[in-house]
């Protein structure tokens, strides 16, 4: 068990290892996730949500997900707040 954990996590500092990325799915849609090197996140193309990777650990709690913009960048809380104050 420890050896398998080491194999999965050995490249944690360099993004996400291939073995782990093949296993993980979106917690909301249950569809495959793709790794984005630019934002260091896992993206669910099925629903347009980005999940961050912090210190090599994917944060797949639904509340951690960010809705994606059309250009594949996650919306920040600032952009949501500013759009709601323009009314």
Protein backbone atom coordinates (compact mmCIF):
# COMPACT_ATOMS: atom_id res chain seq x y z
CA UNK A 1 0.00 0.00 0.00
CA UNK A 2 2.75 2.45 0.91
CA UNK A 3 4.56 1.71 -2.34
CA UNK A 4 1.42 2.43 -4.39
CA UNK A 5 0.89 5.71 -2.53
CA UNK A 6 4.48 6.70 -3.22
CA UNK A 7 4.06 5.95 -6.93
CA UNK A 8 0.92 8.05 -7.16
CA UNK A 9 2.27 10.98 -5.17
CA UNK A 10 5.93 11.02 -6.26
CA UNK A 11 5.31 13.75 -8.84
CA UNK A 12 2.85 15.72 -6.70
CA UNK A 13 5.05 18.82 -6.75
CA UNK A 14 5.05 18.79 -10.57
CA UNK A 15 1.31 18.89 -11.10
CA UNK A 16 -0.59 15.64 -11.12
CA UNK A 17 0.79 12.23 -12.02
CA UNK A 18 -0.82 10.37 -14.89
CA UNK A 19 -2.00 7.43 -12.76
CA UNK A 20 -3.98 9.66 -10.42
CA UNK A 21 -5.45 11.77 -13.21
CA UNK A 22 -6.78 8.62 -14.89
CA UNK A 23 -8.66 7.66 -11.70
CA UNK A 24 -10.19 10.97 -10.65
CA UNK A 25 -13.57 12.15 -11.94
CA UNK A 26 -15.62 15.28 -11.38
CA UNK A 27 -17.47 15.04 -8.04
CA UNK A 28 -20.53 16.69 -9.60
CA UNK A 29 -20.89 15.19 -13.08
CA UNK A 30 -18.87 11.98 -12.53
CA UNK A 31 -17.17 12.68 -15.90
CA UNK A 32 -13.39 12.59 -16.53
CA UNK A 33 -11.27 15.59 -15.57
CA UNK A 34 -8.43 17.07 -17.61
CA UNK A 35 -5.32 18.67 -16.16
CA UNK A 36 -4.57 22.29 -17.06
CA UNK A 37 -0.89 23.19 -16.54
CA UNK A 38 -1.57 26.92 -16.98
CA UNK A 39 -3.90 27.15 -13.97
CA UNK A 40 -2.64 24.02 -12.13
CA UNK A 41 -6.18 22.73 -11.86
CA UNK A 42 -8.43 19.88 -12.93
CA UNK A 43 -11.16 20.89 -15.35
CA UNK A 44 -14.51 19.25 -15.89
CA UNK A 45 -15.38 20.02 -19.50
CA UNK A 46 -18.80 18.44 -19.02
CA UNK A 47 -20.00 21.20 -16.67
CA UNK A 48 -17.33 23.89 -17.10
CA UNK A 49 -15.89 23.82 -13.58
CA UNK A 50 -12.24 24.06 -12.51
CA UNK A 51 -10.96 22.39 -9.32
CA UNK A 52 -7.66 23.68 -7.89
CA UNK A 53 -4.63 21.56 -7.02
CA UNK A 54 -2.95 22.79 -3.82
CA UNK A 55 0.46 21.39 -2.87
CA UNK A 56 -0.10 18.50 -5.28
CA UNK A 57 -3.47 17.59 -3.75
CA UNK A 58 -6.61 17.94 -5.92
CA UNK A 59 -9.36 19.84 -4.08
CA UNK A 60 -12.47 18.10 -5.36
CA UNK A 61 -14.93 19.45 -2.82
CA UNK A 62 -17.78 20.94 -4.88
CA UNK A 63 -17.48 24.27 -3.00
CA UNK A 64 -13.84 24.56 -4.16
CA UNK A 65 -14.84 24.42 -7.83
CA UNK A 66 -14.86 27.60 -9.91
CA UNK A 67 -17.17 28.17 -12.87
CA UNK A 68 -15.11 28.59 -16.05
CA UNK A 69 -15.21 31.64 -18.31
CA UNK A 70 -15.51 31.14 -22.07
CA UNK A 71 -11.70 31.40 -22.42
CA UNK A 72 -11.03 28.47 -20.02
CA UNK A 73 -10.06 30.62 -17.05
CA UNK A 74 -11.87 30.19 -13.75
CA UNK A 75 -14.10 33.04 -12.60
CA UNK A 76 -12.77 34.71 -9.48
CA UNK A 77 -14.97 35.84 -6.63
CA UNK A 78 -14.12 39.44 -7.60
CA UNK A 79 -15.67 39.06 -11.04
CA UNK A 80 -18.86 37.64 -9.53
CA UNK A 81 -19.07 40.45 -6.97
CA UNK A 82 -18.46 43.20 -9.52
CA UNK A 83 -21.10 41.89 -11.92
CA UNK A 84 -23.73 41.81 -9.17
CA UNK A 85 -23.00 45.39 -8.08
CA UNK A 86 -23.49 46.87 -11.56
CA UNK A 87 -27.29 46.60 -11.34
